N, C-alpha and C. Protein backbone atom coordinates (compact mmCIF):
# COMPACT_ATOMS: atom_id res chain seq x y z
N MET A 1 113.51 23.12 41.97
CA MET A 1 113.87 21.81 42.41
C MET A 1 114.66 21.11 41.26
N THR A 2 115.84 20.61 41.60
CA THR A 2 116.59 19.87 40.62
C THR A 2 116.37 18.39 40.73
N GLU A 3 116.93 17.68 39.78
CA GLU A 3 116.73 16.25 39.82
C GLU A 3 117.19 15.55 41.10
N THR A 4 118.18 16.15 41.74
CA THR A 4 118.73 15.57 42.96
C THR A 4 117.97 15.99 44.17
N GLU A 5 117.16 17.04 44.16
CA GLU A 5 116.41 17.43 45.30
C GLU A 5 115.14 16.71 45.43
N PRO A 6 114.73 16.24 46.64
CA PRO A 6 113.57 15.52 46.74
C PRO A 6 112.32 16.42 46.65
N ALA A 7 111.20 15.88 46.21
CA ALA A 7 109.97 16.65 46.14
C ALA A 7 109.61 17.16 47.52
N PRO A 8 109.04 18.41 47.59
CA PRO A 8 108.73 18.96 48.90
C PRO A 8 107.82 18.12 49.80
N ASP A 9 106.92 17.29 49.13
CA ASP A 9 106.01 16.50 49.92
C ASP A 9 106.60 15.09 50.29
N ARG A 10 107.83 14.84 49.84
CA ARG A 10 108.51 13.58 50.21
C ARG A 10 109.94 13.82 50.68
N HIS A 11 110.20 15.07 51.12
CA HIS A 11 111.55 15.33 51.63
C HIS A 11 111.91 14.42 52.77
N PRO A 12 113.08 13.81 52.86
CA PRO A 12 113.38 12.88 53.90
C PRO A 12 113.22 13.54 55.32
N GLU A 13 113.63 14.73 55.49
CA GLU A 13 113.50 15.41 56.81
C GLU A 13 112.08 15.54 57.17
N LEU A 14 111.23 15.91 56.21
CA LEU A 14 109.77 16.05 56.46
C LEU A 14 109.21 14.64 56.87
N VAL A 15 109.50 13.63 56.07
CA VAL A 15 108.97 12.29 56.34
C VAL A 15 109.35 11.80 57.77
N ALA A 16 110.66 12.04 58.13
CA ALA A 16 111.09 11.72 59.48
C ALA A 16 110.43 12.47 60.59
N TRP A 17 110.26 13.79 60.30
CA TRP A 17 109.60 14.64 61.28
C TRP A 17 108.14 14.23 61.47
N LEU A 18 107.39 14.05 60.39
CA LEU A 18 106.02 13.61 60.55
C LEU A 18 105.93 12.29 61.30
N GLU A 19 106.76 11.31 61.02
CA GLU A 19 106.79 10.01 61.70
C GLU A 19 107.03 10.26 63.19
N THR A 20 107.98 11.08 63.52
CA THR A 20 108.36 11.32 64.96
C THR A 20 107.23 11.99 65.63
N ARG A 21 106.59 12.98 65.00
CA ARG A 21 105.48 13.70 65.64
C ARG A 21 104.31 12.83 65.85
N ALA A 22 103.94 12.01 64.84
CA ALA A 22 102.81 11.04 64.98
C ALA A 22 103.10 10.12 66.06
N ALA A 23 104.32 9.50 66.14
CA ALA A 23 104.65 8.60 67.17
C ALA A 23 104.63 9.20 68.56
N GLY A 24 104.95 10.43 68.68
CA GLY A 24 105.03 11.16 69.96
C GLY A 24 103.75 11.96 70.29
N PHE A 25 102.72 11.78 69.52
CA PHE A 25 101.51 12.56 69.78
C PHE A 25 100.88 12.30 71.12
N GLU A 26 100.73 10.97 71.50
CA GLU A 26 100.05 10.71 72.78
C GLU A 26 100.84 11.28 73.91
N ARG A 27 102.18 11.23 73.87
CA ARG A 27 102.97 11.77 74.98
C ARG A 27 102.86 13.30 74.96
N TRP A 28 102.82 13.95 73.77
CA TRP A 28 102.66 15.38 73.73
C TRP A 28 101.35 15.78 74.34
N ALA A 29 100.22 15.04 73.93
CA ALA A 29 98.94 15.36 74.46
C ALA A 29 98.91 15.16 75.98
N ARG A 30 99.53 14.17 76.53
CA ARG A 30 99.57 14.03 78.03
C ARG A 30 100.32 15.20 78.65
N ASP A 31 101.45 15.52 78.00
CA ASP A 31 102.30 16.57 78.51
C ASP A 31 101.60 17.94 78.57
N THR A 32 100.64 18.17 77.74
CA THR A 32 99.87 19.46 77.70
C THR A 32 99.01 19.56 79.00
N GLY A 33 98.69 18.41 79.61
CA GLY A 33 97.86 18.39 80.76
C GLY A 33 96.36 18.32 80.47
N ALA A 34 96.03 18.21 79.17
CA ALA A 34 94.64 18.09 78.79
C ALA A 34 94.53 17.23 77.55
N PRO A 35 94.90 15.93 77.69
CA PRO A 35 94.85 15.06 76.52
C PRO A 35 93.49 14.87 75.91
N GLU A 36 92.45 15.08 76.72
CA GLU A 36 91.08 14.90 76.23
C GLU A 36 90.66 15.87 75.16
N TYR A 37 91.42 17.03 74.98
CA TYR A 37 91.08 18.04 74.01
C TYR A 37 91.57 17.71 72.59
N TRP A 38 92.55 16.86 72.45
CA TRP A 38 93.22 16.69 71.15
C TRP A 38 92.64 15.60 70.28
N ASN A 39 91.51 15.88 69.67
CA ASN A 39 90.83 14.90 68.85
C ASN A 39 90.83 15.31 67.34
N PHE A 40 91.61 16.25 66.96
CA PHE A 40 91.78 16.73 65.61
C PHE A 40 90.51 17.42 65.04
N SER A 41 89.65 17.86 65.94
CA SER A 41 88.46 18.57 65.48
C SER A 41 88.78 20.02 65.32
N PRO A 42 88.02 20.74 64.48
CA PRO A 42 88.24 22.20 64.35
C PRO A 42 88.16 22.91 65.74
N GLU A 43 87.24 22.45 66.56
CA GLU A 43 87.02 23.08 67.86
C GLU A 43 88.28 22.92 68.73
N SER A 44 89.00 21.83 68.55
CA SER A 44 90.22 21.66 69.37
C SER A 44 91.28 22.73 69.15
N LEU A 45 91.19 23.43 68.07
CA LEU A 45 92.10 24.55 67.83
C LEU A 45 91.96 25.68 68.81
N ASP A 46 90.70 25.84 69.29
CA ASP A 46 90.48 26.87 70.31
C ASP A 46 91.18 26.45 71.56
N ALA A 47 91.19 25.17 71.98
CA ALA A 47 91.89 24.75 73.20
C ALA A 47 93.37 24.91 73.00
N LEU A 48 93.88 24.66 71.84
CA LEU A 48 95.32 24.79 71.56
C LEU A 48 95.67 26.28 71.65
N GLU A 49 94.88 27.10 71.06
CA GLU A 49 95.14 28.56 71.09
C GLU A 49 95.20 29.03 72.53
N GLU A 50 94.29 28.63 73.34
CA GLU A 50 94.27 29.03 74.75
C GLU A 50 95.53 28.57 75.44
N LEU A 51 95.94 27.32 75.18
CA LEU A 51 97.13 26.80 75.79
C LEU A 51 98.39 27.55 75.36
N VAL A 52 98.46 27.82 74.10
CA VAL A 52 99.62 28.59 73.62
C VAL A 52 99.65 29.98 74.22
N ARG A 53 98.54 30.66 74.27
CA ARG A 53 98.50 32.01 74.86
C ARG A 53 98.86 32.00 76.37
N ARG A 54 98.57 30.88 77.11
CA ARG A 54 98.90 30.78 78.50
C ARG A 54 100.42 30.40 78.67
N THR A 55 100.94 29.77 77.68
CA THR A 55 102.32 29.29 77.74
C THR A 55 103.35 30.37 77.32
N PHE A 56 102.99 31.16 76.36
CA PHE A 56 103.84 32.19 75.77
C PHE A 56 103.25 33.58 75.85
N ALA A 57 104.11 34.54 75.99
CA ALA A 57 103.63 35.94 76.06
C ALA A 57 103.91 36.71 74.82
N ALA A 58 104.72 36.17 73.92
CA ALA A 58 105.05 36.88 72.70
C ALA A 58 105.71 35.89 71.66
N GLN A 59 105.65 36.28 70.43
CA GLN A 59 106.20 35.41 69.39
C GLN A 59 107.66 35.11 69.55
N GLU A 60 108.38 36.01 70.16
CA GLU A 60 109.80 35.84 70.46
C GLU A 60 110.03 34.63 71.35
N GLU A 61 109.06 34.39 72.28
CA GLU A 61 109.17 33.22 73.12
C GLU A 61 108.90 31.90 72.34
N ILE A 62 107.99 32.00 71.38
CA ILE A 62 107.85 30.83 70.51
C ILE A 62 109.08 30.55 69.74
N ALA A 63 109.70 31.60 69.15
CA ALA A 63 110.93 31.47 68.44
C ALA A 63 112.03 30.80 69.29
N ALA A 64 112.12 31.20 70.57
CA ALA A 64 113.10 30.57 71.43
C ALA A 64 112.79 29.13 71.72
N ALA A 65 111.59 28.69 71.62
CA ALA A 65 111.16 27.35 71.95
C ALA A 65 110.84 26.50 70.70
N ARG A 66 111.12 27.03 69.53
CA ARG A 66 110.68 26.39 68.27
C ARG A 66 111.30 25.06 68.04
N SER A 67 112.42 24.68 68.56
CA SER A 67 112.97 23.34 68.42
C SER A 67 112.56 22.40 69.49
N GLY A 68 111.72 22.84 70.46
CA GLY A 68 111.25 22.03 71.56
C GLY A 68 110.03 21.17 71.19
N GLU A 69 109.77 20.23 72.02
CA GLU A 69 108.65 19.32 71.87
C GLU A 69 107.25 20.03 71.83
N PHE A 70 107.06 21.00 72.67
CA PHE A 70 105.74 21.61 72.76
C PHE A 70 105.42 22.31 71.45
N VAL A 71 106.31 23.19 71.01
CA VAL A 71 106.08 23.96 69.79
C VAL A 71 105.93 23.05 68.56
N GLN A 72 106.85 22.08 68.45
CA GLN A 72 106.83 21.24 67.26
C GLN A 72 105.54 20.34 67.31
N GLY A 73 105.15 19.93 68.51
CA GLY A 73 103.85 19.15 68.62
C GLY A 73 102.70 20.00 68.23
N ALA A 74 102.69 21.29 68.66
CA ALA A 74 101.64 22.22 68.27
C ALA A 74 101.59 22.49 66.78
N VAL A 75 102.77 22.63 66.17
CA VAL A 75 102.84 22.82 64.72
C VAL A 75 102.30 21.59 64.01
N TRP A 76 102.65 20.42 64.41
CA TRP A 76 102.11 19.20 63.77
C TRP A 76 100.60 19.11 63.98
N TYR A 77 100.16 19.33 65.24
CA TYR A 77 98.72 19.22 65.52
C TYR A 77 97.92 20.16 64.64
N ILE A 78 98.30 21.42 64.57
CA ILE A 78 97.61 22.38 63.74
C ILE A 78 97.54 21.87 62.31
N GLY A 79 98.69 21.46 61.78
CA GLY A 79 98.77 21.00 60.43
C GLY A 79 97.84 19.77 60.19
N GLU A 80 97.78 18.86 61.16
CA GLU A 80 97.00 17.67 61.00
C GLU A 80 95.46 18.01 61.03
N VAL A 81 95.09 18.95 61.86
CA VAL A 81 93.72 19.41 61.86
C VAL A 81 93.35 19.94 60.50
N ILE A 82 94.25 20.79 59.95
CA ILE A 82 93.96 21.40 58.66
C ILE A 82 93.93 20.27 57.57
N ARG A 83 94.95 19.43 57.63
CA ARG A 83 95.02 18.38 56.53
C ARG A 83 93.81 17.41 56.62
N ARG A 84 93.33 17.14 57.78
CA ARG A 84 92.18 16.23 57.89
C ARG A 84 90.83 16.96 57.47
N SER A 85 90.84 18.24 57.58
CA SER A 85 89.60 18.96 57.15
C SER A 85 89.66 19.34 55.71
N ALA A 86 90.77 19.27 55.01
CA ALA A 86 90.94 19.56 53.65
C ALA A 86 91.71 18.42 53.02
N PRO A 87 91.02 17.36 52.55
CA PRO A 87 91.63 16.12 52.10
C PRO A 87 92.72 16.26 51.01
N ASP A 88 92.70 17.25 50.26
CA ASP A 88 93.72 17.43 49.21
C ASP A 88 94.91 18.19 49.75
N ALA A 89 94.92 18.60 50.98
CA ALA A 89 96.10 19.30 51.60
C ALA A 89 97.15 18.32 51.90
N VAL A 90 98.42 18.69 51.68
CA VAL A 90 99.57 17.88 51.91
C VAL A 90 100.62 18.66 52.69
N TRP A 91 101.38 17.87 53.53
CA TRP A 91 102.51 18.45 54.19
C TRP A 91 103.60 18.62 53.12
N ARG A 92 104.45 19.73 53.31
CA ARG A 92 105.52 19.98 52.43
C ARG A 92 106.72 20.61 53.25
N TYR A 93 107.92 20.42 52.69
CA TYR A 93 109.09 21.01 53.27
C TYR A 93 110.11 21.26 52.19
N ASP A 94 110.62 22.54 52.09
CA ASP A 94 111.61 22.84 51.11
C ASP A 94 112.74 23.57 51.87
N PRO A 95 113.88 22.82 52.12
CA PRO A 95 114.90 23.50 52.92
C PRO A 95 115.71 24.54 52.16
N PHE A 96 115.43 24.71 50.93
CA PHE A 96 116.11 25.72 50.08
C PHE A 96 115.30 26.99 49.99
N THR A 97 115.32 27.74 51.12
CA THR A 97 114.47 28.92 51.18
C THR A 97 115.10 30.16 50.63
N SER A 98 116.34 30.09 50.26
CA SER A 98 117.02 31.25 49.68
C SER A 98 117.48 30.92 48.29
N ASP A 99 117.88 31.93 47.50
CA ASP A 99 118.30 31.76 46.16
C ASP A 99 119.66 31.08 46.04
N ASP A 100 120.46 31.08 47.14
CA ASP A 100 121.76 30.53 47.01
C ASP A 100 121.81 29.02 47.07
N ARG A 101 120.66 28.38 47.29
CA ARG A 101 120.45 26.93 47.32
C ARG A 101 121.27 26.26 48.36
N ILE A 102 121.50 26.90 49.49
CA ILE A 102 122.14 26.33 50.62
C ILE A 102 121.03 25.84 51.59
N PRO A 103 120.95 24.53 51.79
CA PRO A 103 119.85 24.07 52.61
C PRO A 103 119.87 24.59 54.07
N GLU A 104 118.72 24.84 54.64
CA GLU A 104 118.62 25.26 56.06
C GLU A 104 118.24 24.05 56.86
N ARG A 105 118.56 24.00 58.09
CA ARG A 105 118.08 22.91 58.98
C ARG A 105 116.64 23.20 59.38
N MET A 106 115.87 22.14 59.44
CA MET A 106 114.46 22.26 59.89
C MET A 106 114.46 22.69 61.28
N PHE A 107 113.58 23.74 61.61
CA PHE A 107 113.43 24.31 62.95
C PHE A 107 114.75 24.79 63.53
N GLU A 108 115.52 25.46 62.76
CA GLU A 108 116.81 26.02 63.23
C GLU A 108 116.51 26.88 64.54
N PRO A 109 117.25 26.51 65.57
CA PRO A 109 117.00 27.27 66.88
C PRO A 109 117.24 28.72 66.74
N GLY A 110 116.31 29.54 67.37
CA GLY A 110 116.50 30.97 67.44
C GLY A 110 116.10 31.75 66.21
N VAL A 111 115.67 31.06 65.14
CA VAL A 111 115.33 31.76 63.91
C VAL A 111 113.87 32.32 64.09
N GLN A 112 113.69 33.55 63.57
CA GLN A 112 112.36 34.20 63.73
C GLN A 112 111.47 33.88 62.51
N GLU A 113 112.01 33.44 61.42
CA GLU A 113 111.20 33.11 60.19
C GLU A 113 110.64 31.78 60.27
N VAL A 114 109.70 31.44 59.35
CA VAL A 114 109.05 30.13 59.37
C VAL A 114 109.43 29.29 58.10
N GLY A 115 110.25 29.81 57.18
CA GLY A 115 110.54 29.12 55.94
C GLY A 115 111.30 27.86 56.14
N ASP A 116 111.90 27.60 57.29
CA ASP A 116 112.61 26.34 57.52
C ASP A 116 111.73 25.34 58.28
N THR A 117 110.45 25.52 58.19
CA THR A 117 109.53 24.57 58.92
C THR A 117 108.57 23.96 57.91
N PRO A 118 107.96 22.84 58.36
CA PRO A 118 106.94 22.20 57.46
C PRO A 118 105.77 23.08 57.28
N HIS A 119 105.13 23.01 56.13
CA HIS A 119 103.98 23.73 55.79
C HIS A 119 102.96 22.95 55.05
N LEU A 120 101.81 23.43 54.78
CA LEU A 120 100.79 22.74 54.05
C LEU A 120 100.47 23.39 52.73
N GLY A 121 100.17 22.60 51.74
CA GLY A 121 99.81 23.10 50.44
C GLY A 121 98.65 22.33 49.88
N ARG A 122 98.15 22.79 48.77
CA ARG A 122 97.08 22.09 48.07
C ARG A 122 97.49 22.07 46.59
N PRO A 123 96.98 21.23 45.78
CA PRO A 123 97.42 21.07 44.39
C PRO A 123 97.43 22.37 43.62
N HIS A 124 96.45 23.27 43.83
CA HIS A 124 96.43 24.46 43.01
C HIS A 124 97.25 25.69 43.58
N PHE A 125 97.88 25.44 44.77
CA PHE A 125 98.63 26.49 45.37
C PHE A 125 99.85 26.85 44.54
N GLN A 126 100.26 28.08 44.52
CA GLN A 126 101.43 28.58 43.93
C GLN A 126 102.45 28.92 45.05
N ASP A 127 103.70 29.09 44.70
CA ASP A 127 104.67 29.47 45.71
C ASP A 127 104.15 30.72 46.42
N GLY A 128 104.27 30.70 47.72
CA GLY A 128 103.76 31.84 48.53
C GLY A 128 102.35 31.62 49.05
N ASP A 129 101.67 30.68 48.58
CA ASP A 129 100.34 30.41 49.04
C ASP A 129 100.29 29.43 50.28
N TYR A 130 101.45 28.81 50.54
CA TYR A 130 101.45 27.79 51.52
C TYR A 130 101.11 28.26 52.91
N LEU A 131 100.64 27.35 53.74
CA LEU A 131 100.25 27.70 55.10
C LEU A 131 101.26 27.11 56.08
N TYR A 132 101.88 27.97 56.88
CA TYR A 132 102.86 27.55 57.83
C TYR A 132 102.25 27.54 59.23
N PRO A 133 102.08 26.36 59.85
CA PRO A 133 101.50 26.35 61.18
C PRO A 133 102.30 27.17 62.22
N LEU A 134 103.65 27.12 62.06
CA LEU A 134 104.44 27.99 62.99
C LEU A 134 104.08 29.36 62.82
N GLY A 135 103.86 29.79 61.61
CA GLY A 135 103.44 31.24 61.37
C GLY A 135 102.16 31.58 62.07
N LEU A 136 101.19 30.58 62.08
CA LEU A 136 99.96 30.79 62.75
C LEU A 136 100.14 31.00 64.29
N LEU A 137 101.08 30.24 64.83
CA LEU A 137 101.40 30.34 66.31
C LEU A 137 101.93 31.81 66.50
N ASN A 138 102.84 32.22 65.66
CA ASN A 138 103.36 33.58 65.76
C ASN A 138 102.31 34.61 65.66
N GLN A 139 101.39 34.48 64.71
CA GLN A 139 100.36 35.46 64.50
C GLN A 139 99.40 35.66 65.67
N LEU A 140 99.34 34.62 66.54
CA LEU A 140 98.43 34.77 67.72
C LEU A 140 98.89 36.03 68.53
N PHE A 141 100.12 36.48 68.38
CA PHE A 141 100.61 37.61 69.17
C PHE A 141 100.70 38.90 68.43
N TRP A 142 100.20 38.86 67.22
CA TRP A 142 100.24 40.16 66.40
C TRP A 142 99.10 41.00 66.86
N GLU A 143 99.33 42.28 66.91
CA GLU A 143 98.29 43.21 67.23
C GLU A 143 97.84 44.02 66.04
N THR A 144 98.73 44.10 65.07
CA THR A 144 98.44 44.73 63.76
C THR A 144 98.87 43.89 62.62
N ASP A 145 98.23 44.09 61.45
CA ASP A 145 98.66 43.39 60.29
C ASP A 145 99.80 44.16 59.54
N GLU A 146 100.16 43.67 58.33
CA GLU A 146 101.19 44.29 57.55
C GLU A 146 100.92 45.74 57.19
N LEU A 147 99.69 46.12 57.19
CA LEU A 147 99.32 47.52 56.85
C LEU A 147 99.09 48.36 58.13
N GLY A 148 99.41 47.80 59.28
CA GLY A 148 99.19 48.53 60.52
C GLY A 148 97.74 48.52 61.06
N GLU A 149 96.91 47.74 60.45
CA GLU A 149 95.56 47.68 60.90
C GLU A 149 95.41 46.66 62.08
N PRO A 150 94.57 46.94 63.05
CA PRO A 150 94.42 46.02 64.20
C PRO A 150 93.90 44.64 63.69
N VAL A 151 94.44 43.59 64.29
CA VAL A 151 93.97 42.25 64.00
C VAL A 151 93.74 41.47 65.27
N GLU A 152 92.92 40.50 65.19
CA GLU A 152 92.70 39.57 66.23
C GLU A 152 92.68 38.16 65.54
N VAL A 153 93.80 37.44 65.78
CA VAL A 153 94.03 36.18 65.10
C VAL A 153 93.57 35.04 65.99
N HIS A 154 92.90 34.07 65.36
CA HIS A 154 92.50 32.83 66.10
C HIS A 154 92.84 31.62 65.18
N LEU A 155 93.35 30.61 65.80
CA LEU A 155 93.70 29.42 65.01
C LEU A 155 92.62 28.82 64.20
N ALA A 156 91.38 28.75 64.80
CA ALA A 156 90.31 28.12 64.08
C ALA A 156 89.87 28.93 62.81
N ASP A 157 90.27 30.17 62.74
CA ASP A 157 89.90 30.96 61.56
C ASP A 157 90.60 30.47 60.32
N VAL A 158 91.73 29.73 60.49
CA VAL A 158 92.53 29.27 59.31
C VAL A 158 91.74 28.21 58.57
N LEU A 159 90.90 27.46 59.25
CA LEU A 159 90.22 26.38 58.55
C LEU A 159 89.24 26.93 57.48
N GLU A 160 88.55 28.02 57.86
CA GLU A 160 87.67 28.64 56.85
C GLU A 160 88.44 29.25 55.77
N ALA A 161 89.51 29.91 56.07
CA ALA A 161 90.38 30.51 55.06
C ALA A 161 90.99 29.51 54.16
N PHE A 162 91.46 28.37 54.67
CA PHE A 162 92.09 27.31 53.89
C PHE A 162 90.98 26.70 53.02
N ALA A 163 89.75 26.52 53.54
CA ALA A 163 88.67 25.93 52.72
C ALA A 163 88.34 26.83 51.55
N ASP A 164 88.34 28.21 51.82
CA ASP A 164 88.03 29.18 50.79
C ASP A 164 89.04 29.13 49.67
N ASP A 165 90.20 28.69 49.94
CA ASP A 165 91.26 28.60 48.88
C ASP A 165 91.04 27.43 47.92
N ALA A 166 90.00 26.65 48.10
CA ALA A 166 89.78 25.48 47.28
C ALA A 166 89.35 25.90 45.90
N ASP A 167 88.87 27.11 45.77
CA ASP A 167 88.41 27.54 44.43
C ASP A 167 89.50 27.94 43.50
């Protein structure tokens, strides 16, 4: 980060996105058809996971919808559940995801990666430790991990893993 680049936790695009998501939360909750589920509890992540699995059949479908209200609302909601369960967690956004320092647009349509989306960090996290809620949505459709081992991913599992990172 140079002197002219904003801090990742105060980036203007992030601040605007967080304000927009918070202001639109009630509408997003109503649009899901089950507003009674969205209380920011760890258990509500199970309801969100079920809704995402009913809405999408593959992570490519999430990538195609990443700039839409549903996916961005789900990303914000996951992040808020995590942030509220880990008080030192903060939202972050760094548009400079490549070495050439050319900024990327947040939620660039059609992109398969998550580096151009808001993520969460904690004070002791190093680069690469950050948690990307959009990545969690994608992982719901993984059948194997990076080593080819079978996996069964659930959104609620991230809370325990994020809490374990406190040490």
